[in-house]
Amino acid sequence: MDCHAANTARNDDKNAFSLESTFENNATSKNADSSSATNLSELAKDSRISKETSPSGERYPLFSKETSHSKAKSSKEAKTPKPLICIPTYNESNNIAALLCEIFSRFPEIHALVIDDNSTDGTQEILNSLAHTYPHLHLLKRSGKLGLASAYIDGFSWGLKSGYSHFIQMDADFSHHPRYLAQTLANLPHFEVVINSRNIIGGGVLGWGLGRKILSRFGSLYARLWLGARVMDFTGGFNAYSARALSAIDLHSIKSSGYCFQIEMKYRAYKAGLRLLELPIIFEDRVAGKSKMSKTIVLEALWRTPLLRLRVKRAER
């Protein structure tokens, strides 16, 4: 399967960026795009690296109480990262090829791991075909639909054993658009957690009804009130963690899934005194396929978030 075929199969709406238009833009601005995006070592020096203050609100660094007077690593101290994009899938045949083509067209050097929960719609066959085109594409097959949290934990564990230094969480449905990878990659050497946020100045959501927007905002507000950490987008899933952060979080002790998995990861990072940064993104609702959101995921976040604070406090004693 090639990128053109994947793009034709995907039904982009007026708010989505098509692969065809992206490739046209890349062709007309090849020098600018390749110099700022395709070389990962240059991204570490990019002028978009966030500073500790930003009056415009476009960048929003977060520091826990333990590190409130710390500074992000200087460019001399920072090392060029070896990032791995982790993408969980279950029946994403309508999206996965187009997403991967978009990612690798922008960042040919980057590595991506797709963690597939035994999809029945041909997702794995598409991935096997794409692996011949993209040598940095990896596939981790799982026995069944085991859930988002365990998919990420398995993906992170695979990446840690393989020597990757940073891990970027992405959905397979273009809600997390690859155009935001540049700002994420640029900040990896300087922050241990990078949160691509819908809830800060410059961020937002497209394609959701009022009820879904309220639910999302309430989820982050609810977590902030209970946990006392000033993360604006607790429930968002487009995040990056350093290997050091994953070690501090203690992945295999996490019990949450869904929304609450994202909350627990960020809260543990905050409590561990790690450097956190929020950057604005526009989240676009999926065009193809079905959302994995359910009432069970929402209810879990409601009852597990208060317990999370108690459990962390107990562990600190």
C-alpha atoms as a PDB file:
ATOM      1  CA  MET A   1       0.000   0.000   0.000  1.00  0.00           C
ATOM      2  CA  ASP A   2       1.412   3.431  -0.936  1.00  0.00           C
ATOM      3  CA  CYS A   3       0.718   6.843   0.525  1.00  0.00           C
ATOM      4  CA  HIS A   4      -1.493   7.929  -2.347  1.00  0.00           C
ATOM      5  CA  ALA A   5      -3.745   4.909  -1.935  1.00  0.00           C
ATOM      6  CA  ALA A   6      -3.938   5.443   1.815  1.00  0.00           C
ATOM      7  CA  ASN A   7      -4.851   9.078   1.300  1.00  0.00           C
ATOM      8  CA  THR A   8      -7.578   8.217  -1.188  1.00  0.00           C
ATOM      9  CA  ALA A   9      -9.091   5.741   1.249  1.00  0.00           C
ATOM     10  CA  ARG A  10      -9.334   8.273   4.042  1.00  0.00           C
ATOM     11  CA  ASN A  11     -12.289  10.678   4.008  1.00  0.00           C
ATOM     12  CA  ASP A  12     -10.805  14.003   5.097  1.00  0.00           C
ATOM     13  CA  ASP A  13     -13.183  16.812   6.015  1.00  0.00           C
ATOM     14  CA  LYS A  14     -12.539  20.545   5.695  1.00  0.00           C
ATOM     15  CA  ASN A  15     -10.698  20.654   9.026  1.00  0.00           C
ATOM     16  CA  ALA A  16      -8.307  17.780   8.313  1.00  0.00           C
ATOM     17  CA  PHE A  17      -5.006  18.008   6.488  1.00  0.00           C
ATOM     18  CA  SER A  18      -4.917  15.590   3.533  1.00  0.00           C
ATOM     19  CA  LEU A  19      -1.757  13.748   2.595  1.00  0.00           C
ATOM     20  CA  GLU A  20      -2.033  15.110  -0.919  1.00  0.00           C
ATOM     21  CA  SER A  21      -1.920  18.728   0.226  1.00  0.00           C
ATOM     22  CA  THR A  22       0.843  17.924   2.695  1.00  0.00           C
ATOM     23  CA  PHE A  23       2.993  16.404  -0.020  1.00  0.00           C
ATOM     24  CA  GLU A  24       2.380  19.440  -2.244  1.00  0.00           C
ATOM     25  CA  ASN A  25       3.471  21.720   0.582  1.00  0.00           C
ATOM     26  CA  ASN A  26       6.520  19.581   1.194  1.00  0.00           C
ATOM     27  CA  ALA A  27       7.456  19.748  -2.468  1.00  0.00           C
ATOM     28  CA  THR A  28       7.173  23.548  -2.654  1.00  0.00           C
ATOM     29  CA  SER A  29       8.966  24.194   0.637  1.00  0.00           C
ATOM     30  CA  LYS A  30      11.376  21.273   0.716  1.00  0.00           C
ATOM     31  CA  ASN A  31      14.354  23.172   2.074  1.00  0.00           C
ATOM     32  CA  ALA A  32      12.511  24.734   4.997  1.00  0.00           C
ATOM     33  CA  ASP A  33      10.663  21.564   5.902  1.00  0.00           C
ATOM     34  CA  SER A  34      13.611  19.222   5.699  1.00  0.00           C
ATOM     35  CA  SER A  35      15.909  21.526   7.663  1.00  0.00           C
ATOM     36  CA  SER A  36      13.480  21.976  10.540  1.00  0.00           C
ATOM     37  CA  ALA A  37      11.719  18.635  10.702  1.00  0.00           C
ATOM     38  CA  THR A  38      13.392  15.651   9.093  1.00  0.00           C
ATOM     39  CA  ASN A  39      16.688  15.854  11.006  1.00  0.00           C
ATOM     40  CA  LEU A  40      16.021  14.903  14.612  1.00  0.00           C
ATOM     41  CA  SER A  41      19.332  16.217  15.885  1.00  0.00           C
ATOM     42  CA  GLU A  42      18.559  19.647  14.457  1.00  0.00           C
ATOM     43  CA  LEU A  43      15.138  19.613  16.108  1.00  0.00           C
ATOM     44  CA  ALA A  44      16.868  19.490  19.465  1.00  0.00           C
ATOM     45  CA  LYS A  45      18.334  22.904  18.629  1.00  0.00           C
ATOM     46  CA  ASP A  46      15.138  24.291  17.114  1.00  0.00           C
ATOM     47  CA  SER A  47      14.125  27.848  18.011  1.00  0.00           C
ATOM     48  CA  ARG A  48      10.747  26.471  19.086  1.00  0.00           C
ATOM     49  CA  ILE A  49      12.306  25.022  22.235  1.00  0.00           C
ATOM     50  CA  SER A  50      10.166  26.333  25.068  1.00  0.00           C
ATOM     51  CA  LYS A  51      11.495  28.629  27.754  1.00  0.00           C
ATOM     52  CA  GLU A  52      10.444  28.777  31.381  1.00  0.00           C
ATOM     53  CA  THR A  53       8.225  31.791  30.775  1.00  0.00           C
ATOM     54  CA  SER A  54       5.975  32.640  27.849  1.00  0.00           C
ATOM     55  CA  PRO A  55       3.800  35.740  28.125  1.00  0.00           C
ATOM     56  CA  SER A  56       2.017  34.798  24.904  1.00  0.00           C
ATOM     57  CA  GLY A  57       0.740  31.623  26.507  1.00  0.00           C
ATOM     58  CA  GLU A  58       1.871  29.482  23.604  1.00  0.00           C
ATOM     59  CA  ARG A  59       4.143  27.441  25.834  1.00  0.00           C
ATOM     60  CA  TYR A  60       3.260  26.400  29.331  1.00  0.00           C
ATOM     61  CA  PRO A  61       6.020  24.807  31.443  1.00  0.00           C
ATOM     62  CA  LEU A  62       4.947  22.911  34.533  1.00  0.00           C
ATOM     63  CA  PHE A  63       7.134  22.237  37.523  1.00  0.00           C
ATOM     64  CA  SER A  64       6.231  20.222  40.585  1.00  0.00           C
ATOM     65  CA  LYS A  65       6.705  21.758  44.015  1.00  0.00           C
ATOM     66  CA  GLU A  66       9.965  19.887  44.348  1.00  0.00           C
ATOM     67  CA  THR A  67      11.407  21.480  41.186  1.00  0.00           C
ATOM     68  CA  SER A  68       9.629  24.812  41.080  1.00  0.00           C
ATOM     69  CA  HIS A  69      12.931  26.681  41.100  1.00  0.00           C
ATOM     70  CA  SER A  70      14.657  24.406  38.622  1.00  0.00           C
ATOM     71  CA  LYS A  71      15.527  25.278  35.064  1.00  0.00           C
ATOM     72  CA  ALA A  72      15.104  23.098  32.022  1.00  0.00           C
ATOM     73  CA  LYS A  73      18.296  21.522  30.762  1.00  0.00           C
ATOM     74  CA  SER A  74      20.494  23.826  28.737  1.00  0.00           C
ATOM     75  CA  SER A  75      21.191  22.940  25.136  1.00  0.00           C
ATOM     76  CA  LYS A  76      24.745  21.959  26.152  1.00  0.00           C
ATOM     77  CA  GLU A  77      23.454  19.496  28.736  1.00  0.00           C
ATOM     78  CA  ALA A  78      20.729  18.047  26.535  1.00  0.00           C
ATOM     79  CA  LYS A  79      21.478  14.991  24.447  1.00  0.00           C
ATOM     80  CA  THR A  80      19.954  14.208  21.087  1.00  0.00           C
ATOM     81  CA  PRO A  81      17.006  11.896  21.813  1.00  0.00           C
ATOM     82  CA  LYS A  82      16.236   8.566  20.211  1.00  0.00           C
ATOM     83  CA  PRO A  83      12.418   8.735  20.206  1.00  0.00           C
ATOM     84  CA  LEU A  84       9.867   6.016  19.551  1.00  0.00           C
ATOM     85  CA  ILE A  85       6.274   6.831  18.576  1.00  0.00           C
ATOM     86  CA  CYS A  86       3.885   4.329  20.195  1.00  0.00           C
ATOM     87  CA  ILE A  87       0.523   3.884  18.449  1.00  0.00           C
ATOM     88  CA  PRO A  88      -2.045   1.435  19.873  1.00  0.00           C
ATOM     89  CA  THR A  89      -4.505   0.071  17.321  1.00  0.00           C
ATOM     90  CA  TYR A  90      -7.646  -1.991  17.199  1.00  0.00           C
ATOM     91  CA  ASN A  91      -9.456  -2.056  13.850  1.00  0.00           C
ATOM     92  CA  GLU A  92      -7.844   1.088  12.427  1.00  0.00           C
ATOM     93  CA  SER A  93      -7.503  -0.034   8.792  1.00  0.00           C
ATOM     94  CA  ASN A  94      -9.147   3.195   7.581  1.00  0.00           C
ATOM     95  CA  ASN A  95      -6.555   5.391   9.291  1.00  0.00           C
ATOM     96  CA  ILE A  96      -3.261   3.667  10.028  1.00  0.00           C
ATOM     97  CA  ALA A  97      -1.678   3.710   6.556  1.00  0.00           C
ATOM     98  CA  ALA A  98      -2.409   7.394   5.996  1.00  0.00           C
ATOM     99  CA  LEU A  99      -1.122   8.287   9.471  1.00  0.00           C
ATOM    100  CA  LEU A 100       2.148   6.402   9.072  1.00  0.00           C
ATOM    101  CA  CYS A 101       2.727   7.806   5.583  1.00  0.00           C
ATOM    102  CA  GLU A 102       2.240  11.286   6.997  1.00  0.00           C
ATOM    103  CA  ILE A 103       4.611  10.669   9.903  1.00  0.00           C
ATOM    104  CA  PHE A 104       7.406   9.186   7.804  1.00  0.00           C
ATOM    105  CA  SER A 105       7.054  11.813   5.076  1.00  0.00           C
ATOM    106  CA  ARG A 106       7.740  14.474   7.699  1.00  0.00           C
ATOM    107  CA  PHE A 107      10.287  12.538   9.784  1.00  0.00           C
ATOM    108  CA  PRO A 108      12.007   9.788   7.767  1.00  0.00           C
ATOM    109  CA  GLU A 109      14.476   9.093  10.588  1.00  0.00           C
ATOM    110  CA  ILE A 110      11.931   8.518  13.328  1.00  0.00           C
ATOM    111  CA  HIS A 111      10.893   5.084  14.596  1.00  0.00           C
ATOM    112  CA  ALA A 112       7.290   4.039  15.199  1.00  0.00           C
ATOM    113  CA  LEU A 113       5.859   1.044  17.031  1.00  0.00           C
ATOM    114  CA  VAL A 114       2.260  -0.008  16.399  1.00  0.00           C
ATOM    115  CA  ILE A 115       0.788  -2.114  19.203  1.00  0.00           C
ATOM    116  CA  ASP A 116      -2.112  -4.003  17.661  1.00  0.00           C
ATOM    117  CA  ASP A 117      -4.742  -5.841  19.699  1.00  0.00           C
ATOM    118  CA  ASN A 118      -5.417  -8.570  17.123  1.00  0.00           C
ATOM    119  CA  SER A 119      -7.457  -6.358  14.777  1.00  0.00           C
ATOM    120  CA  THR A 120      -9.992  -8.184  12.612  1.00  0.00           C
ATOM    121  CA  ASP A 121     -10.327  -5.570   9.855  1.00  0.00           C
ATOM    122  CA  GLY A 122      -7.000  -6.022   8.067  1.00  0.00           C
ATOM    123  CA  THR A 123      -4.965  -3.538  10.123  1.00  0.00           C
ATOM    124  CA  GLN A 124      -2.111  -6.010  10.633  1.00  0.00           C
ATOM    125  CA  GLU A 125      -1.982  -6.897   6.950  1.00  0.00           C
ATOM    126  CA  ILE A 126      -1.660  -3.199   6.095  1.00  0.00           C
ATOM    127  CA  LEU A 127       1.131  -2.804   8.634  1.00  0.00           C
ATOM    128  CA  ASN A 128       3.005  -5.815   7.275  1.00  0.00           C
ATOM    129  CA  SER A 129       2.801  -4.280   3.799  1.00  0.00           C
ATOM    130  CA  LEU A 130       4.017  -0.874   4.995  1.00  0.00           C
ATOM    131  CA  ALA A 131       6.966  -2.457   6.803  1.00  0.00           C
ATOM    132  CA  HIS A 132       8.561  -3.157   3.408  1.00  0.00           C
ATOM    133  CA  THR A 133       8.498   0.585   2.654  1.00  0.00           C
ATOM    134  CA  TYR A 134       9.390   1.902   6.087  1.00  0.00           C
ATOM    135  CA  PRO A 135      12.294   0.098   7.805  1.00  0.00           C
ATOM    136  CA  HIS A 136      11.721   2.101  11.019  1.00  0.00           C
ATOM    137  CA  LEU A 137       8.187   0.762  11.401  1.00  0.00           C
ATOM    138  CA  HIS A 138       7.758  -1.951  14.043  1.00  0.00           C
ATOM    139  CA  LEU A 139       4.720  -4.049  14.933  1.00  0.00           C
ATOM    140  CA  LEU A 140       3.921  -5.560  18.311  1.00  0.00           C
ATOM    141  CA  LYS A 141       1.089  -8.080  17.975  1.00  0.00           C
ATOM    142  CA  ARG A 142      -1.062  -8.856  20.991  1.00  0.00           C
ATOM    143  CA  SER A 143      -3.459 -11.729  21.495  1.00  0.00           C
ATOM    144  CA  GLY A 144      -6.660  -9.710  21.820  1.00  0.00           C
ATOM    145  CA  LYS A 145      -8.311  -6.461  22.849  1.00  0.00           C
ATOM    146  CA  LEU A 146      -6.449  -5.908  26.111  1.00  0.00           C
ATOM    147  CA  GLY A 147      -6.945  -2.171  26.555  1.00  0.00           C
ATOM    148  CA  LEU A 148      -5.182   1.121  25.959  1.00  0.00           C
ATOM    149  CA  ALA A 149      -3.151   1.231  29.167  1.00  0.00           C
ATOM    150  CA  SER A 150      -1.670  -2.225  28.767  1.00  0.00           C
ATOM    151  CA  ALA A 151      -0.947  -1.470  25.103  1.00  0.00           C
ATOM    152  CA  TYR A 152       1.133   1.554  26.051  1.00  0.00           C
ATOM    153  CA  ILE A 153       2.852  -0.287  28.891  1.00  0.00           C
ATOM    154  CA  ASP A 154       3.776  -3.145  26.548  1.00  0.00           C
ATOM    155  CA  GLY A 155       4.951  -0.634  23.939  1.00  0.00           C
ATOM    156  CA  PHE A 156       7.039   1.326  26.437  1.00  0.00           C
ATOM    157  CA  SER A 157       8.562  -1.901  27.772  1.00  0.00           C
ATOM    158  CA  TRP A 158       9.454  -3.022  24.240  1.00  0.00           C
ATOM    159  CA  GLY A 159      11.038   0.363  23.552  1.00  0.00           C
ATOM    160  CA  LEU A 160      13.035   0.457  26.770  1.00  0.00           C
ATOM    161  CA  LYS A 161      14.504  -2.961  26.026  1.00  0.00           C
ATOM    162  CA  SER A 162      15.341  -1.741  22.508  1.00  0.00           C
ATOM    163  CA  GLY A 163      17.271   1.274  23.777  1.00  0.00           C
ATOM    164  CA  TYR A 164      14.945   4.183  22.930  1.00  0.00           C
ATOM    165  CA  SER A 165      15.299   7.307  25.055  1.00  0.00           C
ATOM    166  CA  HIS A 166      11.851   8.917  24.639  1.00  0.00           C
ATOM    167  CA  PHE A 167       8.343   7.669  23.954  1.00  0.00           C
ATOM    168  CA  ILE A 168       5.565   9.583  22.190  1.00  0.00           C
ATOM    169  CA  GLN A 169       1.954   8.490  22.605  1.00  0.00           C
ATOM    170  CA  MET A 170      -0.279   8.964  19.550  1.00  0.00           C
ATOM    171  CA  ASP A 171      -3.769   7.867  18.548  1.00  0.00           C
ATOM    172  CA  ALA A 172      -4.118   6.155  15.182  1.00  0.00           C
ATOM    173  CA  ASP A 173      -7.060   8.238  13.953  1.00  0.00           C
ATOM    174  CA  PHE A 174      -5.422  11.624  13.157  1.00  0.00           C
ATOM    175  CA  SER A 175      -6.860  13.243  16.279  1.00  0.00           C
ATOM    176  CA  HIS A 176      -3.210  13.707  17.197  1.00  0.00           C
ATOM    177  CA  HIS A 177      -1.938  15.214  13.981  1.00  0.00           C
ATOM    178  CA  PRO A 178       1.703  14.602  12.973  1.00  0.00           C
ATOM    179  CA  ARG A 179       2.199  18.322  12.347  1.00  0.00           C
ATOM    180  CA  TYR A 180       2.578  18.689  16.134  1.00  0.00           C
ATOM    181  CA  LEU A 181       5.442  16.217  16.317  1.00  0.00           C
ATOM    182  CA  ALA A 182       7.959  18.973  15.474  1.00  0.00           C
ATOM    183  CA  GLN A 183       7.202  20.939  18.648  1.00  0.00           C
ATOM    184  CA  THR A 184       7.223  17.725  20.681  1.00  0.00           C
ATOM    185  CA  LEU A 185      10.583  16.548  19.336  1.00  0.00           C
ATOM    186  CA  ALA A 186      12.157  19.973  19.801  1.00  0.00           C
ATOM    187  CA  ASN A 187      11.423  19.871  23.529  1.00  0.00           C
ATOM    188  CA  LEU A 188      12.318  16.254  24.310  1.00  0.00           C
ATOM    189  CA  PRO A 189      15.919  17.007  25.348  1.00  0.00           C
ATOM    190  CA  HIS A 190      14.781  19.674  27.793  1.00  0.00           C
ATOM    191  CA  PHE A 191      11.710  18.241  29.553  1.00  0.00           C
ATOM    192  CA  GLU A 192      10.993  14.758  30.846  1.00  0.00           C
ATOM    193  CA  VAL A 193       7.281  14.974  30.038  1.00  0.00           C
ATOM    194  CA  VAL A 194       5.783  16.903  27.109  1.00  0.00           C
ATOM    195  CA  ILE A 195       1.989  17.240  27.074  1.00  0.00           C
ATOM    196  CA  ASN A 196       0.316  18.294  23.842  1.00  0.00           C
ATOM    197  CA  SER A 197      -2.585  20.144  25.382  1.00  0.00           C
ATOM    198  CA  ARG A 198      -6.080  21.066  24.220  1.00  0.00           C
ATOM    199  CA  ASN A 199      -6.711  23.206  27.291  1.00  0.00           C
ATOM    200  CA  ILE A 200      -4.130  25.994  27.191  1.00  0.00           C
ATOM    201  CA  ILE A 201      -4.010  29.187  25.118  1.00  0.00           C
ATOM    202  CA  GLY A 202      -3.670  28.209  21.471  1.00  0.00           C
ATOM    203  CA  GLY A 203      -5.189  24.758  22.002  1.00  0.00           C
ATOM    204  CA  GLY A 204      -8.678  23.497  21.309  1.00  0.00           C
ATOM    205  CA  VAL A 205     -10.937  20.817  19.849  1.00  0.00           C
ATOM    206  CA  LEU A 206     -12.632  20.501  16.455  1.00  0.00           C
ATOM    207  CA  GLY A 207     -15.531  18.196  15.631  1.00  0.00           C
ATOM    208  CA  TRP A 208     -16.885  17.533  19.106  1.00  0.00           C
ATOM    209  CA  GLY A 209     -20.339  18.407  20.360  1.00  0.00           C
ATOM    210  CA  LEU A 210     -20.832  20.532  23.464  1.00  0.00           C
ATOM    211  CA  GLY A 211     -21.425  17.504  25.694  1.00  0.00           C
ATOM    212  CA  ARG A 212     -18.129  15.832  24.763  1.00  0.00           C
ATOM    213  CA  LYS A 213     -16.228  19.105  25.230  1.00  0.00           C
ATOM    214  CA  ILE A 214     -17.737  19.608  28.687  1.00  0.00           C
ATOM    215  CA  LEU A 215     -16.916  16.006  29.645  1.00  0.00           C
ATOM    216  CA  SER A 216     -13.290  16.413  28.583  1.00  0.00           C
ATOM    217  CA  ARG A 217     -12.818  19.726  30.387  1.00  0.00           C
ATOM    218  CA  PHE A 218     -14.549  18.386  33.482  1.00  0.00           C
ATOM    219  CA  GLY A 219     -12.246  15.351  33.513  1.00  0.00           C
ATOM    220  CA  SER A 220      -9.116  17.502  33.677  1.00  0.00           C
ATOM    221  CA  LEU A 221     -10.650  19.916  36.196  1.00  0.00           C
ATOM    222  CA  TYR A 222     -11.802  17.011  38.373  1.00  0.00           C
ATOM    223  CA  ALA A 223      -8.277  15.561  38.347  1.00  0.00           C
ATOM    224  CA  ARG A 224      -6.669  18.916  39.167  1.00  0.00           C
ATOM    225  CA  LEU A 225      -8.979  19.477  42.121  1.00  0.00           C
ATOM    226  CA  TRP A 226      -8.387  16.036  43.577  1.00  0.00           C
ATOM    227  CA  LEU A 227      -4.677  15.740  42.841  1.00  0.00           C
ATOM    228  CA  GLY A 228      -3.481  19.309  43.355  1.00  0.00           C
ATOM    229  CA  ALA A 229      -1.295  19.314  40.241  1.00  0.00           C
ATOM    230  CA  ARG A 230      -1.657  22.183  37.794  1.00  0.00           C
ATOM    231  CA  VAL A 231      -1.793  20.117  34.612  1.00  0.00           C
ATOM    232  CA  MET A 232      -4.382  21.671  32.301  1.00  0.00           C
ATOM    233  CA  ASP A 233      -4.932  18.617  30.087  1.00  0.00           C
ATOM    234  CA  PHE A 234      -4.834  15.622  32.392  1.00  0.00           C
ATOM    235  CA  THR A 235      -6.896  13.330  30.155  1.00  0.00           C
ATOM    236  CA  GLY A 236      -5.248  14.002  26.789  1.00  0.00           C
ATOM    237  CA  GLY A 237      -3.373  11.147  25.124  1.00  0.00           C
ATOM    238  CA  PHE A 238      -0.799  12.954  22.934  1.00  0.00           C
ATOM    239  CA  ASN A 239       2.153  12.965  25.324  1.00  0.00           C
ATOM    240  CA  ALA A 240       5.870  12.217  25.411  1.00  0.00           C
ATOM    241  CA  TYR A 241       7.873  10.659  28.251  1.00  0.00           C
ATOM    242  CA  SER A 242      11.594  10.179  28.691  1.00  0.00           C
ATOM    243  CA  ALA A 243      12.961   6.796  29.715  1.00  0.00           C
ATOM    244  CA  ARG A 244      13.866   8.413  33.053  1.00  0.00           C
ATOM    245  CA  ALA A 245      10.262   9.514  33.493  1.00  0.00           C
ATOM    246  CA  LEU A 246       8.946   6.013  32.822  1.00  0.00           C
ATOM    247  CA  SER A 247      11.351   4.634  35.407  1.00  0.00           C
ATOM    248  CA  ALA A 248      10.183   7.173  37.994  1.00  0.00           C
ATOM    249  CA  ILE A 249       6.524   6.480  37.199  1.00  0.00           C
ATOM    250  CA  ASP A 250       6.955   2.705  37.751  1.00  0.00           C
ATOM    251  CA  LEU A 251       4.883   1.516  34.809  1.00  0.00           C
ATOM    252  CA  HIS A 252       4.083  -1.956  36.032  1.00  0.00           C
ATOM    253  CA  SER A 253       2.406  -0.718  39.217  1.00  0.00           C
ATOM    254  CA  ILE A 254      -0.182   1.301  37.256  1.00  0.00           C
ATOM    255  CA  LYS A 255      -3.706  -0.049  37.630  1.00  0.00           C
ATOM    256  CA  SER A 256      -5.666   2.504  35.586  1.00  0.00           C
ATOM    257  CA  SER A 257      -6.853   2.367  31.989  1.00  0.00           C
ATOM    258  CA  GLY A 258      -8.505   4.807  29.571  1.00  0.00           C
ATOM    259  CA  TYR A 259      -8.759   8.436  30.730  1.00  0.00           C
ATOM    260  CA  CYS A 260      -7.481   7.480  34.160  1.00  0.00           C
ATOM    261  CA  PHE A 261      -4.311   5.936  32.731  1.00  0.00           C
ATOM    262  CA  GLN A 262      -3.369   9.318  31.257  1.00  0.00           C
ATOM    263  CA  ILE A 263      -4.201  11.015  34.576  1.00  0.00           C
ATOM    264  CA  GLU A 264      -2.132   8.564  36.601  1.00  0.00           C
ATOM    265  CA  MET A 265       0.901   8.814  34.304  1.00  0.00           C
ATOM    266  CA  LYS A 266       1.006  12.613  34.540  1.00  0.00           C
ATOM    267  CA  TYR A 267       0.310  12.731  38.260  1.00  0.00           C
ATOM    268  CA  ARG A 268       3.056  10.244  39.048  1.00  0.00           C
ATOM    269  CA  ALA A 269       5.489  12.217  36.894  1.00  0.00           C
ATOM    270  CA  TYR A 270       4.508  15.403  38.713  1.00  0.00           C
ATOM    271  CA  LYS A 271       4.928  13.808  42.132  1.00  0.00           C
ATOM    272  CA  ALA A 272       8.321  12.422  41.104  1.00  0.00           C
ATOM    273  CA  GLY A 273       9.571  15.978  40.619  1.00  0.00           C
ATOM    274  CA  LEU A 274      10.049  15.696  36.860  1.00  0.00           C
ATOM    275  CA  ARG A 275      10.001  18.617  34.428  1.00  0.00           C
ATOM    276  CA  LEU A 276       6.629  18.804  32.665  1.00  0.00           C
ATOM    277  CA  LEU A 277       5.695  21.041  29.735  1.00  0.00           C
ATOM    278  CA  GLU A 278       2.356  21.697  28.038  1.00  0.00           C
ATOM    279  CA  LEU A 279       2.223  22.811  24.399  1.00  0.00           C
ATOM    280  CA  PRO A 280      -0.970  23.819  22.537  1.00  0.00           C
ATOM    281  CA  ILE A 281      -2.581  21.619  19.882  1.00  0.00           C
ATOM    282  CA  ILE A 282      -5.867  21.524  18.038  1.00  0.00           C
ATOM    283  CA  PHE A 283      -7.435  18.116  18.577  1.00  0.00           C
ATOM    284  CA  GLU A 284      -9.533  16.985  15.598  1.00  0.00           C
ATOM    285  CA  ASP A 285     -12.206  14.329  16.059  1.00  0.00           C
ATOM    286  CA  ARG A 286     -11.684  11.154  14.069  1.00  0.00           C
ATOM    287  CA  VAL A 287     -13.194  11.005  10.580  1.00  0.00           C
ATOM    288  CA  ALA A 288     -13.021   7.244   9.987  1.00  0.00           C
ATOM    289  CA  GLY A 289     -13.711   4.414  12.411  1.00  0.00           C
ATOM    290  CA  LYS A 290     -15.365   4.362  15.812  1.00  0.00           C
ATOM    291  CA  SER A 291     -14.305   6.080  19.015  1.00  0.00           C
ATOM    292  CA  LYS A 292     -13.139   3.793  21.830  1.00  0.00           C
ATOM    293  CA  MET A 293     -14.680   6.096  24.472  1.00  0.00           C
ATOM    294  CA  SER A 294     -17.234   4.442  26.768  1.00  0.00           C
ATOM    295  CA  LYS A 295     -19.158   5.066  29.986  1.00  0.00           C
ATOM    296  CA  THR A 296     -16.924   2.542  31.715  1.00  0.00           C
ATOM    297  CA  ILE A 297     -13.832   4.658  30.959  1.00  0.00           C
ATOM    298  CA  VAL A 298     -15.507   7.779  32.358  1.00  0.00           C
ATOM    299  CA  LEU A 299     -16.736   6.033  35.505  1.00  0.00           C
ATOM    300  CA  GLU A 300     -13.301   4.575  36.153  1.00  0.00           C
ATOM    301  CA  ALA A 301     -11.775   8.051  36.133  1.00  0.00           C
ATOM    302  CA  LEU A 302     -14.405   9.284  38.609  1.00  0.00           C
ATOM    303  CA  TRP A 303     -13.734   6.670  41.275  1.00  0.00           C
ATOM    304  CA  ARG A 304     -10.075   5.897  40.673  1.00  0.00           C
ATOM    305  CA  THR A 305      -8.722   9.480  40.680  1.00  0.00           C
ATOM    306  CA  PRO A 306      -9.369  10.110  44.403  1.00  0.00           C
ATOM    307  CA  LEU A 307      -7.879   6.710  45.221  1.00  0.00           C
ATOM    308  CA  LEU A 308      -4.817   7.605  43.166  1.00  0.00           C
ATOM    309  CA  ARG A 309      -3.969  10.494  45.468  1.00  0.00           C
ATOM    310  CA  LEU A 310      -4.389   8.325  48.551  1.00  0.00           C
ATOM    311  CA  ARG A 311      -2.241   5.571  47.080  1.00  0.00           C
ATOM    312  CA  VAL A 312       0.574   7.944  46.128  1.00  0.00           C
ATOM    313  CA  LYS A 313       0.492   9.590  49.574  1.00  0.00           C
ATOM    314  CA  ARG A 314       0.656   6.170  51.209  1.00  0.00           C
ATOM    315  CA  ALA A 315       3.666   5.242  49.076  1.00  0.00           C
ATOM    316  CA  GLU A 316       5.464   8.461  50.126  1.00  0.00           C
ATOM    317  CA  ARG A 317       5.308   7.593  53.846  1.00  0.00           C
END
